[in-house]
Amino acid sequence: MDQTPVLFEYLEGKTYNLIGEKAVWLQLSKCGWDKRQGTIQLTVFADGPGIPSVKPVLFISGEGVGSSIVREWEEYDPRVVVKFNATTYANSSNVLEWLDEQLIRGLDGEPTLLAIELLRAHQMEQVLNTFRANDIIVSTIPTGCTELVQPLDVSINRLFKDILKVSPILSQLI
């Protein structure tokens, strides 16, 4: 499991296309969306296609209330869990929700090795107790080493961001 920042829209007035494509997309900004950012949490599994109940989680800054948020909420893909909080990254509360609502349900009590970054939210006592109670062995990746050994950083996050940059639909709907 890893989190990576994403922009809702990429630089206004820039074109995005893959080498050799015939059509070149020009992306225009929705009001303020070129400055809006979030963090997406992705989970991959070493033993196959993964547990279907573990969805990507998108963290967005804010409280997630108001009529504009309700309209925006309808645009998100139902296969993505959207969470609002004061920052655009997970805290211990979000980690516990993810464990309870998604990961633990899909593990069927099987022992699991979870590779995660050495973040404060992952080291909180309640989070560590939840790992232990559910037979989840945590392999923490030291700061400064994630781009070398974190599976998502090494193989998936860059590709994921590249796809977002060239897809006007994906970059707006995540």
C-alpha atoms as a PDB file:
ATOM      1  CA  MET A   1       0.000   0.000   0.000  1.00  0.00           C
ATOM      2  CA  ASP A   2       1.276   3.452  -0.857  1.00  0.00           C
ATOM      3  CA  GLN A   3       0.000   6.972  -1.263  1.00  0.00           C
ATOM      4  CA  THR A   4       0.971   9.348  -4.033  1.00  0.00           C
ATOM      5  CA  PRO A   5      -0.094  12.947  -4.694  1.00  0.00           C
ATOM      6  CA  VAL A   6      -2.204  13.715  -7.765  1.00  0.00           C
ATOM      7  CA  LEU A   7      -3.387  16.933  -9.369  1.00  0.00           C
ATOM      8  CA  PHE A   8      -7.022  17.271 -10.379  1.00  0.00           C
ATOM      9  CA  GLU A   9      -6.005  19.105 -13.525  1.00  0.00           C
ATOM     10  CA  TYR A  10      -2.627  19.583 -15.068  1.00  0.00           C
ATOM     11  CA  LEU A  11      -1.144  22.888 -16.195  1.00  0.00           C
ATOM     12  CA  GLU A  12      -3.699  25.025 -18.053  1.00  0.00           C
ATOM     13  CA  GLY A  13      -2.928  25.687 -21.690  1.00  0.00           C
ATOM     14  CA  LYS A  14      -0.594  22.694 -22.026  1.00  0.00           C
ATOM     15  CA  THR A  15      -1.184  19.878 -24.458  1.00  0.00           C
ATOM     16  CA  TYR A  16      -0.981  16.224 -23.530  1.00  0.00           C
ATOM     17  CA  ASN A  17      -0.525  13.317 -25.881  1.00  0.00           C
ATOM     18  CA  LEU A  18       1.428  10.118 -26.305  1.00  0.00           C
ATOM     19  CA  ILE A  19       4.211  10.029 -28.893  1.00  0.00           C
ATOM     20  CA  GLY A  20       2.750   9.034 -32.250  1.00  0.00           C
ATOM     21  CA  GLU A  21      -0.883   9.921 -31.465  1.00  0.00           C
ATOM     22  CA  LYS A  22      -2.862  11.778 -34.139  1.00  0.00           C
ATOM     23  CA  ALA A  23      -5.062  13.771 -31.717  1.00  0.00           C
ATOM     24  CA  VAL A  24      -3.611  16.193 -29.205  1.00  0.00           C
ATOM     25  CA  TRP A  25      -5.761  17.073 -26.201  1.00  0.00           C
ATOM     26  CA  LEU A  26      -5.797  20.590 -24.803  1.00  0.00           C
ATOM     27  CA  GLN A  27      -6.823  20.615 -21.194  1.00  0.00           C
ATOM     28  CA  LEU A  28      -8.656  23.641 -19.853  1.00  0.00           C
ATOM     29  CA  SER A  29      -9.092  24.375 -16.208  1.00  0.00           C
ATOM     30  CA  LYS A  30     -12.281  24.255 -14.219  1.00  0.00           C
ATOM     31  CA  CYS A  31     -12.233  27.171 -11.826  1.00  0.00           C
ATOM     32  CA  GLY A  32      -9.437  26.477  -9.339  1.00  0.00           C
ATOM     33  CA  TRP A  33      -9.009  22.796 -10.251  1.00  0.00           C
ATOM     34  CA  ASP A  34      -5.543  23.391 -11.695  1.00  0.00           C
ATOM     35  CA  LYS A  35      -4.412  24.207  -8.137  1.00  0.00           C
ATOM     36  CA  ARG A  36      -6.388  21.469  -6.380  1.00  0.00           C
ATOM     37  CA  GLN A  37      -4.527  18.399  -5.251  1.00  0.00           C
ATOM     38  CA  GLY A  38      -5.290  15.137  -3.582  1.00  0.00           C
ATOM     39  CA  THR A  39      -3.533  11.972  -2.559  1.00  0.00           C
ATOM     40  CA  ILE A  40      -4.466   8.568  -3.895  1.00  0.00           C
ATOM     41  CA  GLN A  41      -3.766   5.416  -1.916  1.00  0.00           C
ATOM     42  CA  LEU A  42      -3.224   2.336  -4.045  1.00  0.00           C
ATOM     43  CA  THR A  43      -2.879  -1.264  -2.890  1.00  0.00           C
ATOM     44  CA  VAL A  44      -1.321  -4.101  -4.877  1.00  0.00           C
ATOM     45  CA  PHE A  45      -1.066  -7.775  -4.032  1.00  0.00           C
ATOM     46  CA  ALA A  46       1.860 -10.059  -4.811  1.00  0.00           C
ATOM     47  CA  ASP A  47      -0.280 -13.170  -5.199  1.00  0.00           C
ATOM     48  CA  GLY A  48      -2.552 -12.188  -8.062  1.00  0.00           C
ATOM     49  CA  PRO A  49      -5.058  -9.595  -9.144  1.00  0.00           C
ATOM     50  CA  GLY A  50      -5.814  -8.494  -5.599  1.00  0.00           C
ATOM     51  CA  ILE A  51      -8.697  -8.420  -3.252  1.00  0.00           C
ATOM     52  CA  PRO A  52     -11.689  -6.853  -5.032  1.00  0.00           C
ATOM     53  CA  SER A  53     -12.920  -5.187  -1.844  1.00  0.00           C
ATOM     54  CA  VAL A  54      -9.740  -3.094  -1.485  1.00  0.00           C
ATOM     55  CA  LYS A  55     -10.409   0.007  -3.553  1.00  0.00           C
ATOM     56  CA  PRO A  56      -8.150   2.971  -4.222  1.00  0.00           C
ATOM     57  CA  VAL A  57      -8.711   5.749  -1.670  1.00  0.00           C
ATOM     58  CA  LEU A  58      -8.632   9.406  -2.722  1.00  0.00           C
ATOM     59  CA  PHE A  59      -7.910  11.910   0.052  1.00  0.00           C
ATOM     60  CA  ILE A  60      -9.082  15.455  -0.664  1.00  0.00           C
ATOM     61  CA  SER A  61      -8.470  18.506   1.471  1.00  0.00           C
ATOM     62  CA  GLY A  62     -11.622  19.863   3.109  1.00  0.00           C
ATOM     63  CA  GLU A  63     -14.665  18.840   5.075  1.00  0.00           C
ATOM     64  CA  GLY A  64     -16.649  17.254   2.236  1.00  0.00           C
ATOM     65  CA  VAL A  65     -19.827  19.243   2.860  1.00  0.00           C
ATOM     66  CA  GLY A  66     -21.892  21.696   0.802  1.00  0.00           C
ATOM     67  CA  SER A  67     -23.937  21.591  -2.386  1.00  0.00           C
ATOM     68  CA  SER A  68     -20.923  21.869  -4.715  1.00  0.00           C
ATOM     69  CA  ILE A  69     -19.312  18.867  -2.995  1.00  0.00           C
ATOM     70  CA  VAL A  70     -22.506  16.809  -3.423  1.00  0.00           C
ATOM     71  CA  ARG A  71     -22.455  17.519  -7.180  1.00  0.00           C
ATOM     72  CA  GLU A  72     -18.731  16.784  -7.342  1.00  0.00           C
ATOM     73  CA  TRP A  73     -19.176  13.562  -5.355  1.00  0.00           C
ATOM     74  CA  GLU A  74     -21.450  12.191  -8.093  1.00  0.00           C
ATOM     75  CA  GLU A  75     -18.613  12.501 -10.624  1.00  0.00           C
ATOM     76  CA  TYR A  76     -16.250  10.137  -8.802  1.00  0.00           C
ATOM     77  CA  ASP A  77     -15.966   6.584  -9.974  1.00  0.00           C
ATOM     78  CA  PRO A  78     -17.754   4.242  -7.502  1.00  0.00           C
ATOM     79  CA  ARG A  79     -14.674   2.000  -7.532  1.00  0.00           C
ATOM     80  CA  VAL A  80     -12.764   4.758  -5.658  1.00  0.00           C
ATOM     81  CA  VAL A  81     -13.334   5.594  -1.983  1.00  0.00           C
ATOM     82  CA  VAL A  82     -13.265   9.376  -1.478  1.00  0.00           C
ATOM     83  CA  LYS A  83     -12.285  10.759   1.923  1.00  0.00           C
ATOM     84  CA  PHE A  84     -12.123  14.404   2.959  1.00  0.00           C
ATOM     85  CA  ASN A  85      -9.802  15.585   5.707  1.00  0.00           C
ATOM     86  CA  ALA A  86      -7.799  18.643   6.751  1.00  0.00           C
ATOM     87  CA  THR A  87      -4.805  17.442   4.773  1.00  0.00           C
ATOM     88  CA  THR A  88      -4.584  15.499   1.549  1.00  0.00           C
ATOM     89  CA  TYR A  89      -3.013  12.445   3.097  1.00  0.00           C
ATOM     90  CA  ALA A  90      -3.993   9.700   5.473  1.00  0.00           C
ATOM     91  CA  ASN A  91      -3.874  10.021   9.224  1.00  0.00           C
ATOM     92  CA  SER A  92      -4.242   7.253  11.809  1.00  0.00           C
ATOM     93  CA  SER A  93      -8.041   7.590  11.698  1.00  0.00           C
ATOM     94  CA  ASN A  94      -8.087   7.080   7.915  1.00  0.00           C
ATOM     95  CA  VAL A  95      -5.678   4.157   8.180  1.00  0.00           C
ATOM     96  CA  LEU A  96      -7.929   2.470  10.756  1.00  0.00           C
ATOM     97  CA  GLU A  97     -10.995   3.031   8.536  1.00  0.00           C
ATOM     98  CA  TRP A  98      -9.162   1.523   5.565  1.00  0.00           C
ATOM     99  CA  LEU A  99      -8.084  -1.485   7.615  1.00  0.00           C
ATOM    100  CA  ASP A 100     -11.573  -2.107   9.050  1.00  0.00           C
ATOM    101  CA  GLU A 101     -13.650  -1.294   5.975  1.00  0.00           C
ATOM    102  CA  GLN A 102     -11.471  -2.821   3.277  1.00  0.00           C
ATOM    103  CA  LEU A 103      -8.268  -4.723   3.955  1.00  0.00           C
ATOM    104  CA  ILE A 104      -9.225  -6.890   6.947  1.00  0.00           C
ATOM    105  CA  ARG A 105     -12.550  -7.900   5.366  1.00  0.00           C
ATOM    106  CA  GLY A 106     -10.759  -9.219   2.302  1.00  0.00           C
ATOM    107  CA  LEU A 107      -8.050 -11.177   4.103  1.00  0.00           C
ATOM    108  CA  ASP A 108     -10.344 -13.869   5.556  1.00  0.00           C
ATOM    109  CA  GLY A 109      -8.109 -14.163   8.623  1.00  0.00           C
ATOM    110  CA  GLU A 110      -5.067 -15.174   6.570  1.00  0.00           C
ATOM    111  CA  PRO A 111      -1.676 -13.927   7.818  1.00  0.00           C
ATOM    112  CA  THR A 112      -0.532 -11.023   5.672  1.00  0.00           C
ATOM    113  CA  LEU A 113       2.662  -9.100   5.030  1.00  0.00           C
ATOM    114  CA  LEU A 114       1.965  -5.408   4.444  1.00  0.00           C
ATOM    115  CA  ALA A 115       4.746  -3.189   3.066  1.00  0.00           C
ATOM    116  CA  ILE A 116       4.157   0.449   4.013  1.00  0.00           C
ATOM    117  CA  GLU A 117       6.204   3.579   4.487  1.00  0.00           C
ATOM    118  CA  LEU A 118       7.459   4.568   7.902  1.00  0.00           C
ATOM    119  CA  LEU A 119       4.834   7.249   8.581  1.00  0.00           C
ATOM    120  CA  ARG A 120       3.589   8.494  11.905  1.00  0.00           C
ATOM    121  CA  ALA A 121       0.006   7.432  11.102  1.00  0.00           C
ATOM    122  CA  HIS A 122       1.201   3.840  10.631  1.00  0.00           C
ATOM    123  CA  GLN A 123       3.034   3.845  13.972  1.00  0.00           C
ATOM    124  CA  MET A 124       0.147   4.939  16.223  1.00  0.00           C
ATOM    125  CA  GLU A 125      -0.654   2.440  18.980  1.00  0.00           C
ATOM    126  CA  GLN A 126      -4.232   1.773  17.848  1.00  0.00           C
ATOM    127  CA  VAL A 127      -3.058   1.116  14.271  1.00  0.00           C
ATOM    128  CA  LEU A 128      -0.291  -1.218  15.485  1.00  0.00           C
ATOM    129  CA  ASN A 129      -2.781  -3.070  17.730  1.00  0.00           C
ATOM    130  CA  THR A 130      -5.132  -3.513  14.753  1.00  0.00           C
ATOM    131  CA  PHE A 131      -2.270  -4.972  12.701  1.00  0.00           C
ATOM    132  CA  ARG A 132      -1.398  -7.432  15.491  1.00  0.00           C
ATOM    133  CA  ALA A 133      -5.022  -8.438  16.184  1.00  0.00           C
ATOM    134  CA  ASN A 134      -5.520  -9.310  12.511  1.00  0.00           C
ATOM    135  CA  ASP A 135      -2.253 -11.187  11.909  1.00  0.00           C
ATOM    136  CA  ILE A 136      -0.883  -8.441   9.657  1.00  0.00           C
ATOM    137  CA  ILE A 137       2.912  -8.331   9.719  1.00  0.00           C
ATOM    138  CA  VAL A 138       4.113  -4.850   8.821  1.00  0.00           C
ATOM    139  CA  SER A 139       7.284  -4.267   6.857  1.00  0.00           C
ATOM    140  CA  THR A 140       8.044  -0.571   7.174  1.00  0.00           C
ATOM    141  CA  ILE A 141      10.106   1.031   4.450  1.00  0.00           C
ATOM    142  CA  PRO A 142      12.558   3.580   5.875  1.00  0.00           C
ATOM    143  CA  THR A 143      12.385   7.220   4.829  1.00  0.00           C
ATOM    144  CA  GLY A 144      14.494   7.855   1.753  1.00  0.00           C
ATOM    145  CA  CYS A 145      14.260   4.265   0.513  1.00  0.00           C
ATOM    146  CA  THR A 146      10.734   4.181  -0.889  1.00  0.00           C
ATOM    147  CA  GLU A 147      11.707   4.956  -4.488  1.00  0.00           C
ATOM    148  CA  LEU A 148      14.114   2.023  -4.340  1.00  0.00           C
ATOM    149  CA  VAL A 149      12.079  -0.732  -2.673  1.00  0.00           C
ATOM    150  CA  GLN A 150       8.396   0.298  -2.321  1.00  0.00           C
ATOM    151  CA  PRO A 151       6.609  -1.854  -4.956  1.00  0.00           C
ATOM    152  CA  LEU A 152       4.173   0.890  -5.907  1.00  0.00           C
ATOM    153  CA  ASP A 153       6.890   3.553  -6.218  1.00  0.00           C
ATOM    154  CA  VAL A 154       9.134   1.262  -8.237  1.00  0.00           C
ATOM    155  CA  SER A 155       6.557   0.029 -10.733  1.00  0.00           C
ATOM    156  CA  ILE A 156       3.069   1.559 -10.601  1.00  0.00           C
ATOM    157  CA  ASN A 157       2.835   5.155  -9.335  1.00  0.00           C
ATOM    158  CA  ARG A 158       4.799   6.703 -12.243  1.00  0.00           C
ATOM    159  CA  LEU A 159       2.708   4.812 -14.822  1.00  0.00           C
ATOM    160  CA  PHE A 160      -0.489   5.787 -12.974  1.00  0.00           C
ATOM    161  CA  LYS A 161       0.447   9.493 -13.021  1.00  0.00           C
ATOM    162  CA  ASP A 162       1.461   9.325 -16.686  1.00  0.00           C
ATOM    163  CA  ILE A 163      -1.961   7.913 -17.562  1.00  0.00           C
ATOM    164  CA  LEU A 164      -3.665  10.711 -15.623  1.00  0.00           C
ATOM    165  CA  LYS A 165      -1.633  13.344 -17.467  1.00  0.00           C
ATOM    166  CA  VAL A 166      -2.723  12.154 -20.916  1.00  0.00           C
ATOM    167  CA  SER A 167      -6.334  11.312 -20.154  1.00  0.00           C
ATOM    168  CA  PRO A 168      -8.685  14.283 -19.886  1.00  0.00           C
ATOM    169  CA  ILE A 169     -11.404  11.992 -18.557  1.00  0.00           C
ATOM    170  CA  LEU A 170      -9.308  10.109 -15.986  1.00  0.00           C
ATOM    171  CA  SER A 171      -7.668  13.228 -14.613  1.00  0.00           C
ATOM    172  CA  GLN A 172     -11.084  14.709 -13.825  1.00  0.00           C
ATOM    173  CA  LEU A 173     -12.787  11.576 -12.495  1.00  0.00           C
ATOM    174  CA  ILE A 174      -9.799   9.771 -10.935  1.00  0.00           C
END
